[in-house]
Amino acid sequence: MSAPPSIPTGLTHACARCGAPVPLEVGLCERCNPIGLRDAASSQVHGTVFLGIGTAVIALWLVAQAAVNGIGPFPAAVAGIRAADEGAALVVTLRVSNSGSRLGSTTCRVSDPGIPGGQAVFVQSPRIEPGAVLTFDATVVGLGTAVRPLAVECSNP
């Protein structure tokens, strides 16, 4: 019959395998590591996790950059404005060009330049071929129903 494992005194944490209390500088209890093999230091474990997370973040950033590289910029202009048939909105005709080298779409901010810091509406454009100019209508709610000059600014992804 083997002797029961000794119970450590002082600060402890759970054994990595069975949950028994062990000193902070040890990862496994005597029952799970009977021949006393050396454990990995907690700084090694934490360092490895930190490097793994850092590598994953950098890899995701590189994939995202490759996915949007060459899309845009998207110069835009308001080509026309009319009241919507429903009467509670405006139909804004936007002319957007893709000055980039890849197919893409953009989000355009339509606002009233006469109201500094005023309300704006965001419109998603259809996909635009590289070097092409696309004219499309967007129904906007939130800028009133009065036909007046509006400004548009389209951003890169």
C-alpha atoms as a PDB file:
ATOM      1  CA  MET A   1       0.000   0.000   0.000  1.00  0.00           C
ATOM      2  CA  SER A   2       1.458   3.364  -1.012  1.00  0.00           C
ATOM      3  CA  ALA A   3       1.515   6.358   1.279  1.00  0.00           C
ATOM      4  CA  PRO A   4      -1.012   9.077   0.520  1.00  0.00           C
ATOM      5  CA  PRO A   5       0.451  12.094  -1.242  1.00  0.00           C
ATOM      6  CA  SER A   6       1.552  14.888   1.021  1.00  0.00           C
ATOM      7  CA  ILE A   7      -0.699  17.927   1.221  1.00  0.00           C
ATOM      8  CA  PRO A   8       1.259  21.090   0.463  1.00  0.00           C
ATOM      9  CA  THR A   9       1.216  24.052   2.767  1.00  0.00           C
ATOM     10  CA  GLY A  10       1.069  27.688   1.666  1.00  0.00           C
ATOM     11  CA  LEU A  11      -0.375  28.914  -1.629  1.00  0.00           C
ATOM     12  CA  THR A  12      -1.615  26.188  -3.961  1.00  0.00           C
ATOM     13  CA  HIS A  13      -3.430  25.609  -7.210  1.00  0.00           C
ATOM     14  CA  ALA A  14      -5.071  22.543  -8.767  1.00  0.00           C
ATOM     15  CA  CYS A  15      -3.037  19.762 -10.374  1.00  0.00           C
ATOM     16  CA  ALA A  16      -3.301  20.010 -14.159  1.00  0.00           C
ATOM     17  CA  ARG A  17      -4.573  16.413 -14.440  1.00  0.00           C
ATOM     18  CA  CYS A  18      -6.551  15.484 -11.346  1.00  0.00           C
ATOM     19  CA  GLY A  19      -7.226  18.757  -9.521  1.00  0.00           C
ATOM     20  CA  ALA A  20      -5.411  17.887  -6.290  1.00  0.00           C
ATOM     21  CA  PRO A  21      -3.818  20.867  -4.496  1.00  0.00           C
ATOM     22  CA  VAL A  22      -0.150  21.403  -5.426  1.00  0.00           C
ATOM     23  CA  PRO A  23       2.344  24.223  -4.734  1.00  0.00           C
ATOM     24  CA  LEU A  24       2.327  27.126  -7.194  1.00  0.00           C
ATOM     25  CA  GLU A  25       5.692  26.188  -8.729  1.00  0.00           C
ATOM     26  CA  VAL A  26       4.515  22.631  -9.567  1.00  0.00           C
ATOM     27  CA  GLY A  27       2.097  21.650 -12.328  1.00  0.00           C
ATOM     28  CA  LEU A  28       1.333  18.002 -11.425  1.00  0.00           C
ATOM     29  CA  CYS A  29       0.820  16.275  -8.071  1.00  0.00           C
ATOM     30  CA  GLU A  30       2.946  13.320  -6.881  1.00  0.00           C
ATOM     31  CA  ARG A  31       0.239  10.853  -7.962  1.00  0.00           C
ATOM     32  CA  CYS A  32       0.142  12.209 -11.566  1.00  0.00           C
ATOM     33  CA  ASN A  33       3.940  12.638 -11.787  1.00  0.00           C
ATOM     34  CA  PRO A  34       5.316   9.824  -9.580  1.00  0.00           C
ATOM     35  CA  ILE A  35       8.905   9.940 -10.837  1.00  0.00           C
ATOM     36  CA  GLY A  36       9.128  13.711 -10.523  1.00  0.00           C
ATOM     37  CA  LEU A  37       9.642  14.672 -14.148  1.00  0.00           C
ATOM     38  CA  ARG A  38      10.263  18.367 -14.579  1.00  0.00           C
ATOM     39  CA  ASP A  39       7.181  20.487 -15.426  1.00  0.00           C
ATOM     40  CA  ALA A  40       7.084  23.329 -17.899  1.00  0.00           C
ATOM     41  CA  ALA A  41       7.381  26.645 -16.116  1.00  0.00           C
ATOM     42  CA  SER A  42       4.233  28.747 -16.105  1.00  0.00           C
ATOM     43  CA  SER A  43       6.150  31.519 -17.872  1.00  0.00           C
ATOM     44  CA  GLN A  44       6.932  29.072 -20.696  1.00  0.00           C
ATOM     45  CA  VAL A  45       3.289  28.061 -20.987  1.00  0.00           C
ATOM     46  CA  HIS A  46       2.040  31.645 -20.905  1.00  0.00           C
ATOM     47  CA  GLY A  47       4.736  32.744 -23.363  1.00  0.00           C
ATOM     48  CA  THR A  48       3.756  30.010 -25.792  1.00  0.00           C
ATOM     49  CA  VAL A  49       0.083  30.989 -25.600  1.00  0.00           C
ATOM     50  CA  PHE A  50       0.983  34.676 -26.066  1.00  0.00           C
ATOM     51  CA  LEU A  51       3.087  33.881 -29.138  1.00  0.00           C
ATOM     52  CA  GLY A  52       0.296  31.718 -30.568  1.00  0.00           C
ATOM     53  CA  ILE A  53      -2.281  34.466 -30.145  1.00  0.00           C
ATOM     54  CA  GLY A  54       0.078  37.090 -31.562  1.00  0.00           C
ATOM     55  CA  THR A  55       0.847  34.905 -34.582  1.00  0.00           C
ATOM     56  CA  ALA A  56      -2.864  34.295 -35.201  1.00  0.00           C
ATOM     57  CA  VAL A  57      -3.644  38.039 -35.033  1.00  0.00           C
ATOM     58  CA  ILE A  58      -0.854  38.866 -37.502  1.00  0.00           C
ATOM     59  CA  ALA A  59      -1.973  36.067 -39.853  1.00  0.00           C
ATOM     60  CA  LEU A  60      -5.587  37.312 -39.803  1.00  0.00           C
ATOM     61  CA  TRP A  61      -4.415  40.879 -40.469  1.00  0.00           C
ATOM     62  CA  LEU A  62      -2.373  39.710 -43.481  1.00  0.00           C
ATOM     63  CA  VAL A  63      -5.338  37.743 -44.869  1.00  0.00           C
ATOM     64  CA  ALA A  64      -7.629  40.766 -44.420  1.00  0.00           C
ATOM     65  CA  GLN A  65      -5.121  43.062 -46.154  1.00  0.00           C
ATOM     66  CA  ALA A  66      -4.823  40.657 -49.084  1.00  0.00           C
ATOM     67  CA  ALA A  67      -8.618  40.418 -49.353  1.00  0.00           C
ATOM     68  CA  VAL A  68      -9.177  44.176 -49.718  1.00  0.00           C
ATOM     69  CA  ASN A  69      -5.932  45.205 -51.432  1.00  0.00           C
ATOM     70  CA  GLY A  70      -6.657  46.941 -54.739  1.00  0.00           C
ATOM     71  CA  ILE A  71     -10.290  47.777 -54.000  1.00  0.00           C
ATOM     72  CA  GLY A  72     -11.115  51.473 -54.257  1.00  0.00           C
ATOM     73  CA  PRO A  73     -10.852  54.400 -53.768  1.00  0.00           C
ATOM     74  CA  PHE A  74     -14.422  55.222 -54.699  1.00  0.00           C
ATOM     75  CA  PRO A  75     -14.955  58.819 -55.854  1.00  0.00           C
ATOM     76  CA  ALA A  76     -18.673  59.606 -55.770  1.00  0.00           C
ATOM     77  CA  ALA A  77     -21.148  62.345 -56.644  1.00  0.00           C
ATOM     78  CA  VAL A  78     -24.872  62.931 -56.274  1.00  0.00           C
ATOM     79  CA  ALA A  79     -26.341  62.741 -59.784  1.00  0.00           C
ATOM     80  CA  GLY A  80     -29.940  63.486 -58.847  1.00  0.00           C
ATOM     81  CA  ILE A  81     -32.492  63.779 -56.058  1.00  0.00           C
ATOM     82  CA  ARG A  82     -36.240  63.325 -56.139  1.00  0.00           C
ATOM     83  CA  ALA A  83     -39.019  62.689 -53.656  1.00  0.00           C
ATOM     84  CA  ALA A  84     -39.922  59.035 -53.232  1.00  0.00           C
ATOM     85  CA  ASP A  85     -43.341  57.842 -54.382  1.00  0.00           C
ATOM     86  CA  GLU A  86     -44.211  56.927 -50.786  1.00  0.00           C
ATOM     87  CA  GLY A  87     -43.537  60.524 -49.745  1.00  0.00           C
ATOM     88  CA  ALA A  88     -41.580  59.656 -46.569  1.00  0.00           C
ATOM     89  CA  ALA A  89     -38.164  59.436 -48.181  1.00  0.00           C
ATOM     90  CA  LEU A  90     -35.869  60.710 -50.891  1.00  0.00           C
ATOM     91  CA  VAL A  91     -34.501  58.799 -53.856  1.00  0.00           C
ATOM     92  CA  VAL A  92     -30.873  59.792 -54.363  1.00  0.00           C
ATOM     93  CA  THR A  93     -29.110  58.877 -57.592  1.00  0.00           C
ATOM     94  CA  LEU A  94     -25.413  58.251 -56.895  1.00  0.00           C
ATOM     95  CA  ARG A  95     -22.580  58.001 -59.416  1.00  0.00           C
ATOM     96  CA  VAL A  96     -19.716  55.972 -57.923  1.00  0.00           C
ATOM     97  CA  SER A  97     -16.522  54.875 -59.633  1.00  0.00           C
ATOM     98  CA  ASN A  98     -14.038  52.204 -58.584  1.00  0.00           C
ATOM     99  CA  SER A  99     -10.560  53.614 -59.114  1.00  0.00           C
ATOM    100  CA  GLY A 100      -8.945  50.412 -57.858  1.00  0.00           C
ATOM    101  CA  SER A 101      -7.733  47.304 -59.644  1.00  0.00           C
ATOM    102  CA  ARG A 102     -10.246  44.821 -58.163  1.00  0.00           C
ATOM    103  CA  LEU A 103     -14.018  44.321 -58.103  1.00  0.00           C
ATOM    104  CA  GLY A 104     -15.583  45.742 -54.949  1.00  0.00           C
ATOM    105  CA  SER A 105     -18.391  47.609 -53.253  1.00  0.00           C
ATOM    106  CA  THR A 106     -18.383  50.513 -50.860  1.00  0.00           C
ATOM    107  CA  THR A 107     -20.434  52.195 -48.168  1.00  0.00           C
ATOM    108  CA  CYS A 108     -21.473  55.750 -49.002  1.00  0.00           C
ATOM    109  CA  ARG A 109     -22.415  58.416 -46.464  1.00  0.00           C
ATOM    110  CA  VAL A 110     -25.171  60.708 -47.759  1.00  0.00           C
ATOM    111  CA  SER A 111     -25.652  63.910 -45.745  1.00  0.00           C
ATOM    112  CA  ASP A 112     -26.974  67.457 -45.905  1.00  0.00           C
ATOM    113  CA  PRO A 113     -23.956  69.808 -46.137  1.00  0.00           C
ATOM    114  CA  GLY A 114     -26.132  72.682 -44.910  1.00  0.00           C
ATOM    115  CA  ILE A 115     -26.408  71.092 -41.469  1.00  0.00           C
ATOM    116  CA  PRO A 116     -22.933  70.853 -39.886  1.00  0.00           C
ATOM    117  CA  GLY A 117     -22.634  67.590 -37.985  1.00  0.00           C
ATOM    118  CA  GLY A 118     -26.170  66.815 -39.085  1.00  0.00           C
ATOM    119  CA  GLN A 119     -27.808  63.514 -39.710  1.00  0.00           C
ATOM    120  CA  ALA A 120     -26.407  61.185 -42.331  1.00  0.00           C
ATOM    121  CA  VAL A 121     -27.637  58.032 -44.023  1.00  0.00           C
ATOM    122  CA  PHE A 122     -25.393  55.163 -45.084  1.00  0.00           C
ATOM    123  CA  VAL A 123     -25.960  53.367 -48.394  1.00  0.00           C
ATOM    124  CA  GLN A 124     -24.273  50.180 -49.625  1.00  0.00           C
ATOM    125  CA  SER A 125     -23.322  50.269 -53.294  1.00  0.00           C
ATOM    126  CA  PRO A 126     -23.630  47.347 -55.682  1.00  0.00           C
ATOM    127  CA  ARG A 127     -20.376  45.673 -56.728  1.00  0.00           C
ATOM    128  CA  ILE A 128     -18.393  47.845 -59.123  1.00  0.00           C
ATOM    129  CA  GLU A 129     -15.880  46.543 -61.667  1.00  0.00           C
ATOM    130  CA  PRO A 130     -12.371  48.045 -61.515  1.00  0.00           C
ATOM    131  CA  GLY A 131     -12.176  51.292 -63.453  1.00  0.00           C
ATOM    132  CA  ALA A 132     -15.948  51.343 -64.004  1.00  0.00           C
ATOM    133  CA  VAL A 133     -18.484  54.035 -63.100  1.00  0.00           C
ATOM    134  CA  LEU A 134     -21.841  52.890 -61.730  1.00  0.00           C
ATOM    135  CA  THR A 135     -24.973  55.008 -61.361  1.00  0.00           C
ATOM    136  CA  PHE A 136     -27.660  53.656 -59.023  1.00  0.00           C
ATOM    137  CA  ASP A 137     -30.672  54.865 -57.048  1.00  0.00           C
ATOM    138  CA  ALA A 138     -30.870  54.603 -53.266  1.00  0.00           C
ATOM    139  CA  THR A 139     -33.985  55.344 -51.218  1.00  0.00           C
ATOM    140  CA  VAL A 140     -32.936  57.166 -48.061  1.00  0.00           C
ATOM    141  CA  VAL A 141     -35.096  57.637 -44.995  1.00  0.00           C
ATOM    142  CA  GLY A 142     -34.015  60.081 -42.324  1.00  0.00           C
ATOM    143  CA  LEU A 143     -33.029  63.117 -44.377  1.00  0.00           C
ATOM    144  CA  GLY A 144     -36.538  64.447 -44.762  1.00  0.00           C
ATOM    145  CA  THR A 145     -38.631  64.691 -47.886  1.00  0.00           C
ATOM    146  CA  ALA A 146     -37.601  68.100 -49.243  1.00  0.00           C
ATOM    147  CA  VAL A 147     -35.465  67.958 -52.371  1.00  0.00           C
ATOM    148  CA  ARG A 148     -32.255  69.887 -51.662  1.00  0.00           C
ATOM    149  CA  PRO A 149     -28.520  69.538 -52.379  1.00  0.00           C
ATOM    150  CA  LEU A 150     -26.935  66.565 -50.617  1.00  0.00           C
ATOM    151  CA  ALA A 151     -23.335  65.462 -50.259  1.00  0.00           C
ATOM    152  CA  VAL A 152     -21.951  61.947 -50.648  1.00  0.00           C
ATOM    153  CA  GLU A 153     -18.682  60.403 -49.507  1.00  0.00           C
ATOM    154  CA  CYS A 154     -17.792  56.762 -50.145  1.00  0.00           C
ATOM    155  CA  SER A 155     -15.142  54.969 -48.133  1.00  0.00           C
ATOM    156  CA  ASN A 156     -12.710  52.179 -48.857  1.00  0.00           C
ATOM    157  CA  PRO A 157     -13.374  48.842 -47.169  1.00  0.00           C
END
